[in-house]
Amino acid sequence: MSSSNQYVPAPKIAKQVPPASFNVRDLIPDLVQAGELLSPESFLARSGWTGHVLRRALAARRIFFVDSGSLHYVPSFYADPTLNRRHLGSVTKLLGDLPGGSKWRFFTTPKGSLSRQTPIQAVRRGQWATVKVAAAGFAER
């Protein structure tokens, strides 16, 4: 893998939004600029996937887009080689038919049931079972 395709963790966005006014659509430009959301082309370059693999993963609900009008973005954590894509995919599937923005919110918002970690942080620490329970509960609300 060339150095241009290696995953570089995105910096945290500086804009802090109170939970009550958290609207992913309002944050999309900042998230794209920070590298937390990627265009499909950028995602393919970072992940090494083909367009066919991406379409199949989307159809199987193992990955999702965050939409902004006619533009679609893939969360950069799916291109992070330190995260197991199979585990991320199984958590994503548990979120079912929720919109991409809601799925983004699930993965990136700290949860009390995860000791105030985000699901991504908990996944990174190997807490798959707890994250799956949190995802199922989030999807039911």
N, C-alpha and C. Protein backbone atom coordinates (compact mmCIF):
# COMPACT_ATOMS: atom_id res chain seq x y z
N MET A 1 0.86 -1.18 0.00
CA MET A 1 0.00 0.00 0.00
C MET A 1 0.90 1.23 0.00
N SER A 2 0.65 2.15 -0.89
CA SER A 2 1.47 3.35 -0.95
C SER A 2 1.09 4.29 0.18
N SER A 3 2.00 5.21 0.50
CA SER A 3 1.75 6.10 1.63
C SER A 3 0.56 7.01 1.37
N SER A 4 0.23 7.29 0.11
CA SER A 4 -0.92 8.15 -0.15
C SER A 4 -2.25 7.46 0.14
N ASN A 5 -2.26 6.12 0.20
CA ASN A 5 -3.50 5.39 0.48
C ASN A 5 -3.62 4.98 1.93
N GLN A 6 -2.62 5.27 2.75
CA GLN A 6 -2.68 4.86 4.14
C GLN A 6 -3.65 5.75 4.90
N TYR A 7 -4.34 5.15 5.86
CA TYR A 7 -5.30 5.88 6.65
C TYR A 7 -4.56 6.79 7.63
N VAL A 8 -4.97 8.03 7.66
CA VAL A 8 -4.47 8.99 8.63
C VAL A 8 -5.66 9.45 9.43
N PRO A 9 -5.66 9.20 10.75
CA PRO A 9 -6.82 9.60 11.55
C PRO A 9 -7.13 11.08 11.35
N ALA A 10 -8.39 11.38 11.22
CA ALA A 10 -8.81 12.76 11.03
C ALA A 10 -8.72 13.51 12.35
N PRO A 11 -8.37 14.79 12.27
CA PRO A 11 -8.38 15.59 13.49
C PRO A 11 -9.81 15.78 13.97
N LYS A 12 -9.97 15.94 15.24
CA LYS A 12 -11.30 16.21 15.78
C LYS A 12 -11.73 17.60 15.34
N ILE A 13 -13.00 17.74 14.98
CA ILE A 13 -13.46 19.05 14.54
C ILE A 13 -13.52 19.97 15.74
N ALA A 14 -13.16 21.21 15.51
CA ALA A 14 -13.08 22.18 16.60
C ALA A 14 -14.46 22.63 17.07
N LYS A 15 -15.42 22.59 16.17
CA LYS A 15 -16.76 23.07 16.48
C LYS A 15 -17.43 22.12 17.48
N GLN A 16 -17.79 22.62 18.63
CA GLN A 16 -18.49 21.82 19.63
C GLN A 16 -19.97 22.15 19.54
N VAL A 17 -20.80 21.13 19.47
CA VAL A 17 -22.24 21.32 19.33
C VAL A 17 -22.92 20.69 20.52
N PRO A 18 -23.79 21.42 21.21
CA PRO A 18 -24.52 20.83 22.32
C PRO A 18 -25.37 19.67 21.84
N PRO A 19 -25.48 18.59 22.63
CA PRO A 19 -26.27 17.43 22.20
C PRO A 19 -27.68 17.75 21.76
N ALA A 20 -28.36 18.71 22.38
CA ALA A 20 -29.74 19.01 22.01
C ALA A 20 -29.85 19.56 20.60
N SER A 21 -28.79 20.21 20.10
CA SER A 21 -28.86 20.79 18.76
C SER A 21 -28.02 20.01 17.75
N PHE A 22 -27.64 18.80 18.09
CA PHE A 22 -26.78 17.99 17.24
C PHE A 22 -27.55 17.57 15.99
N ASN A 23 -27.18 18.15 14.86
CA ASN A 23 -27.78 17.80 13.59
C ASN A 23 -26.64 17.53 12.62
N VAL A 24 -26.49 16.30 12.21
CA VAL A 24 -25.37 15.89 11.37
C VAL A 24 -25.31 16.70 10.08
N ARG A 25 -26.45 16.98 9.48
CA ARG A 25 -26.46 17.76 8.22
C ARG A 25 -25.77 19.11 8.39
N ASP A 26 -25.95 19.74 9.56
CA ASP A 26 -25.30 21.02 9.81
C ASP A 26 -23.78 20.89 9.91
N LEU A 27 -23.32 19.72 10.29
CA LEU A 27 -21.89 19.50 10.50
C LEU A 27 -21.15 18.93 9.29
N ILE A 28 -21.87 18.52 8.27
CA ILE A 28 -21.24 17.81 7.15
C ILE A 28 -20.06 18.57 6.56
N PRO A 29 -20.16 19.86 6.25
CA PRO A 29 -18.97 20.53 5.70
C PRO A 29 -17.75 20.45 6.61
N ASP A 30 -17.96 20.63 7.92
CA ASP A 30 -16.85 20.54 8.87
C ASP A 30 -16.30 19.11 8.94
N LEU A 31 -17.19 18.14 8.91
CA LEU A 31 -16.76 16.74 8.99
C LEU A 31 -15.99 16.32 7.74
N VAL A 32 -16.40 16.82 6.59
CA VAL A 32 -15.67 16.54 5.35
C VAL A 32 -14.30 17.20 5.40
N GLN A 33 -14.27 18.46 5.80
CA GLN A 33 -12.99 19.18 5.87
C GLN A 33 -12.04 18.51 6.86
N ALA A 34 -12.57 17.99 7.96
CA ALA A 34 -11.74 17.33 8.97
C ALA A 34 -11.34 15.91 8.56
N GLY A 35 -11.91 15.40 7.46
CA GLY A 35 -11.58 14.06 7.02
C GLY A 35 -12.36 12.96 7.72
N GLU A 36 -13.39 13.33 8.45
CA GLU A 36 -14.20 12.32 9.15
C GLU A 36 -15.27 11.73 8.25
N LEU A 37 -15.63 12.45 7.20
CA LEU A 37 -16.50 11.94 6.15
C LEU A 37 -15.74 12.06 4.84
N LEU A 38 -15.82 11.02 4.02
CA LEU A 38 -15.07 10.96 2.76
C LEU A 38 -16.01 10.84 1.58
N SER A 39 -15.63 11.45 0.47
CA SER A 39 -16.36 11.21 -0.77
C SER A 39 -16.16 9.73 -1.11
N PRO A 40 -17.06 9.15 -1.88
CA PRO A 40 -16.85 7.74 -2.26
C PRO A 40 -15.49 7.51 -2.93
N GLU A 41 -15.05 8.45 -3.75
CA GLU A 41 -13.75 8.29 -4.42
C GLU A 41 -12.60 8.30 -3.42
N SER A 42 -12.66 9.20 -2.45
CA SER A 42 -11.62 9.24 -1.42
C SER A 42 -11.65 7.98 -0.56
N PHE A 43 -12.86 7.52 -0.25
CA PHE A 43 -12.99 6.29 0.53
C PHE A 43 -12.36 5.11 -0.22
N LEU A 44 -12.65 4.99 -1.51
CA LEU A 44 -12.10 3.88 -2.29
C LEU A 44 -10.57 3.96 -2.32
N ALA A 45 -10.02 5.15 -2.46
CA ALA A 45 -8.56 5.30 -2.47
C ALA A 45 -7.95 4.91 -1.13
N ARG A 46 -8.58 5.31 -0.03
CA ARG A 46 -8.04 4.98 1.31
C ARG A 46 -8.23 3.52 1.68
N SER A 47 -9.37 2.98 1.31
CA SER A 47 -9.70 1.62 1.77
C SER A 47 -9.13 0.53 0.88
N GLY A 48 -8.86 0.87 -0.37
CA GLY A 48 -8.42 -0.15 -1.32
C GLY A 48 -9.57 -0.96 -1.90
N TRP A 49 -10.80 -0.56 -1.60
CA TRP A 49 -11.97 -1.25 -2.12
C TRP A 49 -12.20 -0.84 -3.57
N THR A 50 -12.97 -1.64 -4.27
CA THR A 50 -13.46 -1.27 -5.60
C THR A 50 -14.86 -0.71 -5.44
N GLY A 51 -15.34 -0.05 -6.48
CA GLY A 51 -16.72 0.44 -6.46
C GLY A 51 -17.71 -0.69 -6.28
N HIS A 52 -17.42 -1.83 -6.88
CA HIS A 52 -18.31 -3.00 -6.76
C HIS A 52 -18.40 -3.46 -5.30
N VAL A 53 -17.28 -3.52 -4.61
CA VAL A 53 -17.27 -3.95 -3.20
C VAL A 53 -18.05 -2.95 -2.35
N LEU A 54 -17.86 -1.66 -2.62
CA LEU A 54 -18.59 -0.63 -1.87
C LEU A 54 -20.10 -0.77 -2.10
N ARG A 55 -20.52 -0.95 -3.33
CA ARG A 55 -21.95 -1.10 -3.63
C ARG A 55 -22.54 -2.33 -2.92
N ARG A 56 -21.79 -3.43 -2.91
CA ARG A 56 -22.28 -4.64 -2.23
C ARG A 56 -22.39 -4.42 -0.73
N ALA A 57 -21.41 -3.74 -0.14
CA ALA A 57 -21.44 -3.47 1.30
C ALA A 57 -22.61 -2.56 1.65
N LEU A 58 -22.87 -1.57 0.80
CA LEU A 58 -24.03 -0.69 1.01
C LEU A 58 -25.33 -1.47 0.90
N ALA A 59 -25.45 -2.32 -0.10
CA ALA A 59 -26.67 -3.11 -0.29
C ALA A 59 -26.90 -4.08 0.87
N ALA A 60 -25.82 -4.60 1.44
CA ALA A 60 -25.91 -5.53 2.57
C ALA A 60 -26.04 -4.80 3.91
N ARG A 61 -26.00 -3.45 3.87
CA ARG A 61 -26.10 -2.60 5.07
C ARG A 61 -24.96 -2.80 6.05
N ARG A 62 -23.77 -3.15 5.52
CA ARG A 62 -22.58 -3.27 6.36
C ARG A 62 -21.84 -1.94 6.45
N ILE A 63 -22.26 -0.99 5.66
CA ILE A 63 -21.66 0.34 5.61
C ILE A 63 -22.78 1.30 5.23
N PHE A 64 -22.60 2.57 5.46
CA PHE A 64 -23.65 3.53 5.14
C PHE A 64 -23.06 4.82 4.62
N PHE A 65 -23.91 5.58 3.95
CA PHE A 65 -23.60 6.93 3.51
C PHE A 65 -24.25 7.93 4.45
N VAL A 66 -23.62 9.08 4.59
CA VAL A 66 -24.26 10.25 5.19
C VAL A 66 -24.54 11.18 4.01
N ASP A 67 -25.79 11.56 3.84
CA ASP A 67 -26.20 12.33 2.68
C ASP A 67 -26.29 13.82 3.00
N SER A 68 -25.89 14.60 2.01
CA SER A 68 -26.06 16.05 2.07
C SER A 68 -26.57 16.47 0.70
N GLY A 69 -27.87 16.57 0.60
CA GLY A 69 -28.47 16.84 -0.71
C GLY A 69 -28.19 15.67 -1.63
N SER A 70 -27.60 15.95 -2.78
CA SER A 70 -27.30 14.88 -3.73
C SER A 70 -25.91 14.28 -3.51
N LEU A 71 -25.17 14.78 -2.53
CA LEU A 71 -23.83 14.27 -2.25
C LEU A 71 -23.89 13.21 -1.16
N HIS A 72 -23.05 12.20 -1.31
CA HIS A 72 -22.98 11.09 -0.35
C HIS A 72 -21.57 11.00 0.19
N TYR A 73 -21.45 10.74 1.49
CA TYR A 73 -20.15 10.62 2.14
C TYR A 73 -20.09 9.34 2.96
N VAL A 74 -18.91 8.74 2.99
CA VAL A 74 -18.67 7.52 3.75
C VAL A 74 -17.89 7.90 5.01
N PRO A 75 -18.29 7.43 6.18
CA PRO A 75 -17.51 7.70 7.39
C PRO A 75 -16.09 7.13 7.24
N SER A 76 -15.12 7.94 7.61
CA SER A 76 -13.72 7.53 7.44
C SER A 76 -13.34 6.36 8.33
N PHE A 77 -14.09 6.10 9.40
CA PHE A 77 -13.72 4.98 10.26
C PHE A 77 -13.80 3.65 9.53
N TYR A 78 -14.60 3.57 8.45
CA TYR A 78 -14.64 2.33 7.67
C TYR A 78 -13.33 2.08 6.91
N ALA A 79 -12.53 3.11 6.74
CA ALA A 79 -11.24 2.97 6.06
C ALA A 79 -10.08 2.85 7.05
N ASP A 80 -10.38 2.83 8.33
CA ASP A 80 -9.35 2.76 9.37
C ASP A 80 -8.88 1.31 9.52
N PRO A 81 -7.61 1.03 9.19
CA PRO A 81 -7.13 -0.35 9.27
C PRO A 81 -7.00 -0.88 10.69
N THR A 82 -7.10 0.00 11.70
CA THR A 82 -7.02 -0.47 13.09
C THR A 82 -8.37 -0.98 13.60
N LEU A 83 -9.42 -0.79 12.80
CA LEU A 83 -10.75 -1.27 13.17
C LEU A 83 -11.11 -2.47 12.29
N ASN A 84 -11.69 -3.47 12.88
CA ASN A 84 -12.10 -4.66 12.15
C ASN A 84 -13.38 -4.35 11.38
N ARG A 85 -13.29 -4.35 10.06
CA ARG A 85 -14.45 -4.00 9.22
C ARG A 85 -15.60 -4.99 9.40
N ARG A 86 -15.28 -6.24 9.63
CA ARG A 86 -16.34 -7.23 9.82
C ARG A 86 -17.16 -6.88 11.07
N HIS A 87 -16.49 -6.51 12.15
CA HIS A 87 -17.20 -6.13 13.37
C HIS A 87 -17.99 -4.83 13.17
N LEU A 88 -17.38 -3.85 12.49
CA LEU A 88 -18.11 -2.62 12.21
C LEU A 88 -19.35 -2.90 11.38
N GLY A 89 -19.20 -3.77 10.40
CA GLY A 89 -20.32 -4.13 9.54
C GLY A 89 -21.45 -4.78 10.31
N SER A 90 -21.10 -5.65 11.25
CA SER A 90 -22.16 -6.32 12.03
C SER A 90 -22.89 -5.33 12.93
N VAL A 91 -22.17 -4.36 13.48
CA VAL A 91 -22.82 -3.32 14.29
C VAL A 91 -23.70 -2.46 13.39
N THR A 92 -23.19 -2.08 12.22
CA THR A 92 -23.95 -1.25 11.29
C THR A 92 -25.25 -1.94 10.89
N LYS A 93 -25.19 -3.24 10.63
CA LYS A 93 -26.40 -3.98 10.25
C LYS A 93 -27.46 -3.93 11.35
N LEU A 94 -27.03 -3.92 12.61
CA LEU A 94 -27.98 -3.86 13.71
C LEU A 94 -28.74 -2.53 13.74
N LEU A 95 -28.17 -1.50 13.14
CA LEU A 95 -28.82 -0.19 13.11
C LEU A 95 -29.92 -0.13 12.05
N GLY A 96 -30.02 -1.17 11.23
CA GLY A 96 -31.14 -1.35 10.31
C GLY A 96 -31.39 -0.21 9.34
N ASP A 97 -32.64 0.24 9.31
CA ASP A 97 -33.10 1.23 8.33
C ASP A 97 -32.91 2.68 8.78
N LEU A 98 -32.21 2.90 9.86
CA LEU A 98 -32.01 4.28 10.31
C LEU A 98 -31.29 5.09 9.23
N PRO A 99 -31.57 6.38 9.14
CA PRO A 99 -30.84 7.21 8.17
C PRO A 99 -29.35 7.26 8.51
N GLY A 100 -28.55 7.55 7.49
CA GLY A 100 -27.10 7.61 7.69
C GLY A 100 -26.68 8.58 8.78
N GLY A 101 -27.36 9.73 8.86
CA GLY A 101 -27.01 10.70 9.91
C GLY A 101 -27.23 10.14 11.31
N SER A 102 -28.27 9.35 11.48
CA SER A 102 -28.54 8.72 12.78
C SER A 102 -27.49 7.66 13.09
N LYS A 103 -27.09 6.92 12.08
CA LYS A 103 -26.03 5.92 12.28
C LYS A 103 -24.72 6.60 12.64
N TRP A 104 -24.43 7.72 11.95
CA TRP A 104 -23.22 8.49 12.28
C TRP A 104 -23.26 8.93 13.74
N ARG A 105 -24.42 9.46 14.14
CA ARG A 105 -24.58 9.92 15.52
C ARG A 105 -24.34 8.77 16.50
N PHE A 106 -24.88 7.59 16.19
CA PHE A 106 -24.66 6.44 17.07
C PHE A 106 -23.16 6.17 17.25
N PHE A 107 -22.45 6.05 16.15
CA PHE A 107 -21.04 5.67 16.21
C PHE A 107 -20.14 6.72 16.85
N THR A 108 -20.53 7.99 16.82
CA THR A 108 -19.62 9.06 17.23
C THR A 108 -20.02 9.78 18.51
N THR A 109 -21.11 9.39 19.14
CA THR A 109 -21.57 10.04 20.36
C THR A 109 -21.29 9.14 21.56
N PRO A 110 -20.65 9.68 22.60
CA PRO A 110 -20.40 8.86 23.80
C PRO A 110 -21.72 8.34 24.39
N LYS A 111 -21.65 7.11 24.89
CA LYS A 111 -22.82 6.45 25.47
C LYS A 111 -22.52 6.07 26.92
N GLY A 112 -23.48 6.31 27.79
CA GLY A 112 -23.33 5.91 29.18
C GLY A 112 -23.13 4.41 29.31
N SER A 113 -23.81 3.64 28.48
CA SER A 113 -23.70 2.17 28.54
C SER A 113 -22.33 1.68 28.10
N LEU A 114 -21.54 2.56 27.49
CA LEU A 114 -20.19 2.21 27.06
C LEU A 114 -19.14 2.97 27.88
N SER A 115 -19.48 3.26 29.12
CA SER A 115 -18.59 3.99 30.02
C SER A 115 -18.17 5.33 29.44
N ARG A 116 -19.14 6.01 28.84
CA ARG A 116 -18.94 7.34 28.25
C ARG A 116 -17.95 7.35 27.08
N GLN A 117 -17.80 6.21 26.42
CA GLN A 117 -17.01 6.12 25.21
C GLN A 117 -17.95 6.18 24.01
N THR A 118 -17.41 6.56 22.85
CA THR A 118 -18.19 6.41 21.63
C THR A 118 -18.14 4.94 21.24
N PRO A 119 -19.10 4.47 20.47
CA PRO A 119 -19.02 3.09 19.99
C PRO A 119 -17.72 2.81 19.22
N ILE A 120 -17.21 3.78 18.47
CA ILE A 120 -15.94 3.57 17.76
C ILE A 120 -14.82 3.33 18.77
N GLN A 121 -14.76 4.10 19.84
CA GLN A 121 -13.73 3.90 20.87
C GLN A 121 -13.89 2.52 21.51
N ALA A 122 -15.13 2.13 21.78
CA ALA A 122 -15.38 0.82 22.39
C ALA A 122 -15.01 -0.31 21.43
N VAL A 123 -15.32 -0.15 20.15
CA VAL A 123 -14.93 -1.15 19.15
C VAL A 123 -13.41 -1.28 19.12
N ARG A 124 -12.73 -0.15 19.16
CA ARG A 124 -11.26 -0.16 19.15
C ARG A 124 -10.70 -0.93 20.35
N ARG A 125 -11.43 -0.93 21.46
CA ARG A 125 -10.99 -1.62 22.67
C ARG A 125 -11.51 -3.06 22.73
N GLY A 126 -12.16 -3.50 21.66
CA GLY A 126 -12.61 -4.88 21.59
C GLY A 126 -13.90 -5.17 22.32
N GLN A 127 -14.69 -4.17 22.62
CA GLN A 127 -15.93 -4.35 23.37
C GLN A 127 -17.11 -4.57 22.43
N TRP A 128 -16.97 -5.59 21.56
CA TRP A 128 -17.97 -5.85 20.52
C TRP A 128 -19.36 -6.14 21.07
N ALA A 129 -19.42 -7.02 22.05
CA ALA A 129 -20.73 -7.43 22.57
C ALA A 129 -21.49 -6.24 23.15
N THR A 130 -20.81 -5.40 23.89
CA THR A 130 -21.46 -4.24 24.50
C THR A 130 -21.91 -3.25 23.44
N VAL A 131 -21.09 -3.06 22.40
CA VAL A 131 -21.45 -2.14 21.32
C VAL A 131 -22.66 -2.69 20.56
N LYS A 132 -22.72 -3.99 20.35
CA LYS A 132 -23.87 -4.57 19.65
C LYS A 132 -25.16 -4.38 20.45
N VAL A 133 -25.08 -4.54 21.75
CA VAL A 133 -26.26 -4.32 22.60
C VAL A 133 -26.69 -2.86 22.50
N ALA A 134 -25.72 -1.94 22.54
CA ALA A 134 -26.03 -0.50 22.43
C ALA A 134 -26.65 -0.19 21.07
N ALA A 135 -26.14 -0.81 20.01
CA ALA A 135 -26.69 -0.57 18.66
C ALA A 135 -28.13 -1.08 18.55
N ALA A 136 -28.38 -2.24 19.09
CA ALA A 136 -29.75 -2.77 19.04
C ALA A 136 -30.71 -1.87 19.80
N GLY A 137 -30.29 -1.38 20.96
CA GLY A 137 -31.12 -0.48 21.74
C GLY A 137 -31.35 0.86 21.03
N PHE A 138 -30.30 1.37 20.41
CA PHE A 138 -30.40 2.63 19.66
C PHE A 138 -31.37 2.50 18.50
N ALA A 139 -31.32 1.38 17.80
CA ALA A 139 -32.19 1.14 16.64
C ALA A 139 -33.65 1.01 17.04
N GLU A 140 -33.91 0.53 18.25
CA GLU A 140 -35.29 0.34 18.72
C GLU A 140 -35.95 1.65 19.12
N ARG A 141 -35.18 2.67 19.45
CA ARG A 141 -35.76 3.94 19.91
C ARG A 141 -36.40 4.71 18.81
